[in-house]
Each structure stands twice: as structure tokens, then as C-alpha cells.
Amino acid sequence: MAALDVQEFIQQNRALAEQVETFRGISESDKHWQARREFILRNISDYEEPQLDQLLALSMVWANNVFLGCRYSTELLEKVKEMAEGIVVEDAPVFMTRDEIVKKQQGR
């Protein structure tokens, strides 16, 4: 779902789009929210009301990994990356672990 597709989906599904807007965190930047909103919209049909909290938690895991570099179990990261397949985040930060930085410096 490209940015244009997201906007088209929102126009066609106003009630759902308004509900999803209530999930935005008070401290989320527009860039962060737009990506996380797309994640939610792409996957909301797989998570009915009792499971909606699980979807929101998964969206935060994905966004925290992409924007903040948070690390999670391999299994969980594989799941959210699969759920986010096709979402393009422009200028996403690149994070390196301490071990990766040391290896890079040793290679010089």
C-alpha cells in the first residue's frame, strides 16, 4: 500500500480511518505516525476487536525498531517485518550495535 493507496483507502473507509487516528501517540512525529498508521491499516483486517491491542503492540514494536533502533527477539522482528513488507520509510535512521562499531573500527 503506497502513500497514494493509503490516502485512497482512508477516503473510502472514513470510519475506520477515524478510529485508527485515535491510536496515534501524543509524542509521535508525523513521519513516525504516517508509517505506523500504514502498518496498522495494512494489517487491521487480520485483527478483530479482541486482538486489536495485539496489532497496536506489534505496530509499536515495528516502529520502535525502525525509528529508535530497539531490539527484539528474532522471531518477533521477522513477524513485524513481514507485516510491514512494502512500507517505505524515507530517511530511516541506521543503527549499529556496539559490536558492529568496534568491528568497523578494527577493519580500518
Protein backbone atom coordinates (compact mmCIF):
# COMPACT_ATOMS: atom_id res chain seq x y z
CA MET A 1 0.00 0.00 0.00
CA ALA A 2 1.83 3.08 -1.26
CA ALA A 3 1.20 6.54 0.15
CA LEU A 4 -1.38 7.22 -2.55
CA ASP A 5 -3.05 3.88 -1.81
CA VAL A 6 -3.19 4.76 1.91
CA GLN A 7 -4.91 8.07 1.16
CA GLU A 8 -7.37 6.35 -1.18
CA PHE A 9 -8.10 3.68 1.45
CA ILE A 10 -8.70 6.38 4.07
CA GLN A 11 -11.11 8.21 1.77
CA GLN A 12 -13.07 5.02 1.15
CA ASN A 13 -13.08 3.92 4.80
CA ARG A 14 -13.64 7.12 6.81
CA ALA A 15 -14.99 5.44 9.97
CA LEU A 16 -12.06 3.04 10.16
CA ALA A 17 -9.60 5.84 9.39
CA GLU A 18 -11.06 7.97 12.19
CA GLN A 19 -10.77 5.04 14.60
CA VAL A 20 -7.14 4.46 13.59
CA GLU A 21 -6.33 8.14 14.15
CA THR A 22 -7.22 7.68 17.82
CA PHE A 23 -4.27 5.27 18.14
CA ARG A 24 -1.67 7.97 17.48
CA GLY A 25 0.65 8.55 20.41
CA ILE A 26 0.89 12.10 21.72
CA SER A 27 4.66 12.19 21.14
CA GLU A 28 4.68 10.61 17.67
CA SER A 29 6.07 12.78 14.89
CA ASP A 30 4.13 12.98 11.62
CA LYS A 31 6.73 10.80 9.91
CA HIS A 32 6.59 8.17 12.66
CA TRP A 33 2.78 8.20 12.76
CA GLN A 34 2.30 8.00 8.99
CA ALA A 35 4.46 4.87 8.82
CA ARG A 36 2.82 3.27 11.86
CA ARG A 37 -0.66 4.18 10.58
CA GLU A 38 0.13 2.44 7.30
CA PHE A 39 1.29 -0.62 9.26
CA ILE A 40 -1.98 -0.65 11.18
CA LEU A 41 -4.15 -0.13 8.10
CA ARG A 42 -2.36 -2.89 6.20
CA ASN A 43 -2.98 -5.40 8.98
CA ILE A 44 -6.18 -4.32 10.74
CA SER A 45 -8.37 -6.77 8.82
CA ASP A 46 -6.41 -9.64 10.41
CA TYR A 47 -7.04 -8.35 13.96
CA GLU A 48 -10.62 -8.11 15.11
CA GLU A 49 -11.64 -6.14 18.23
CA PRO A 50 -10.37 -8.53 20.92
CA GLN A 51 -6.98 -8.70 19.16
CA LEU A 52 -6.70 -5.01 18.29
CA ASP A 53 -4.36 -4.35 21.23
CA GLN A 54 -2.03 -7.01 19.85
CA LEU A 55 -1.91 -5.23 16.49
CA LEU A 56 -1.18 -1.91 18.17
CA ALA A 57 1.62 -3.50 20.19
CA LEU A 58 3.09 -5.05 17.03
CA SER A 59 2.90 -1.68 15.28
CA MET A 60 4.88 -0.12 18.13
CA VAL A 61 7.47 -2.91 18.01
CA TRP A 62 7.94 -2.29 14.29
CA ALA A 63 8.08 1.50 14.64
CA ASN A 64 10.44 1.34 17.63
CA ASN A 65 12.77 -0.93 15.69
CA VAL A 66 12.72 1.26 12.57
CA PHE A 67 12.87 4.70 14.18
CA LEU A 68 14.61 4.09 17.51
CA GLY A 69 16.72 1.00 16.83
CA CYS A 70 15.10 -1.04 19.61
CA ARG A 71 16.00 -4.73 19.51
CA TYR A 72 13.57 -7.59 19.99
CA SER A 73 13.66 -11.35 19.54
CA THR A 74 14.45 -12.58 16.05
CA GLU A 75 11.07 -14.28 15.80
CA LEU A 76 9.16 -11.11 16.72
CA LEU A 77 11.20 -8.92 14.34
CA GLU A 78 10.63 -11.37 11.49
CA LYS A 79 6.88 -11.25 12.16
CA VAL A 80 6.61 -7.46 12.16
CA LYS A 81 8.92 -7.06 9.16
CA GLU A 82 6.71 -9.46 7.24
CA MET A 83 3.63 -7.48 8.32
CA ALA A 84 5.34 -4.25 7.18
CA GLU A 85 6.50 -5.57 3.83
CA GLY A 86 6.15 -2.84 1.22
CA ILE A 87 6.06 0.09 3.64
CA VAL A 88 8.65 2.63 2.57
CA VAL A 89 10.15 4.84 5.27
CA GLU A 90 12.21 7.61 3.72
CA ASP A 91 15.36 8.64 5.55
CA ALA A 92 15.00 5.93 8.19
CA PRO A 93 17.88 6.04 10.65
CA VAL A 94 20.52 3.32 10.51
CA PHE A 95 21.55 1.84 13.84
CA MET A 96 24.64 -0.15 14.70
CA THR A 97 25.37 -2.20 17.78
CA ARG A 98 28.48 -1.55 19.81
CA ASP A 99 30.00 -4.76 18.44
CA GLU A 100 29.35 -3.63 14.86
CA ILE A 101 31.02 -0.27 15.55
CA VAL A 102 34.07 -1.98 17.09
CA LYS A 103 34.39 -4.38 14.14
CA LYS A 104 34.14 -1.49 11.70
CA GLN A 105 36.86 0.46 13.53
CA GLN A 106 39.11 -2.61 13.73
CA GLY A 107 38.80 -3.05 9.98
CA ARG A 108 40.38 0.36 9.34
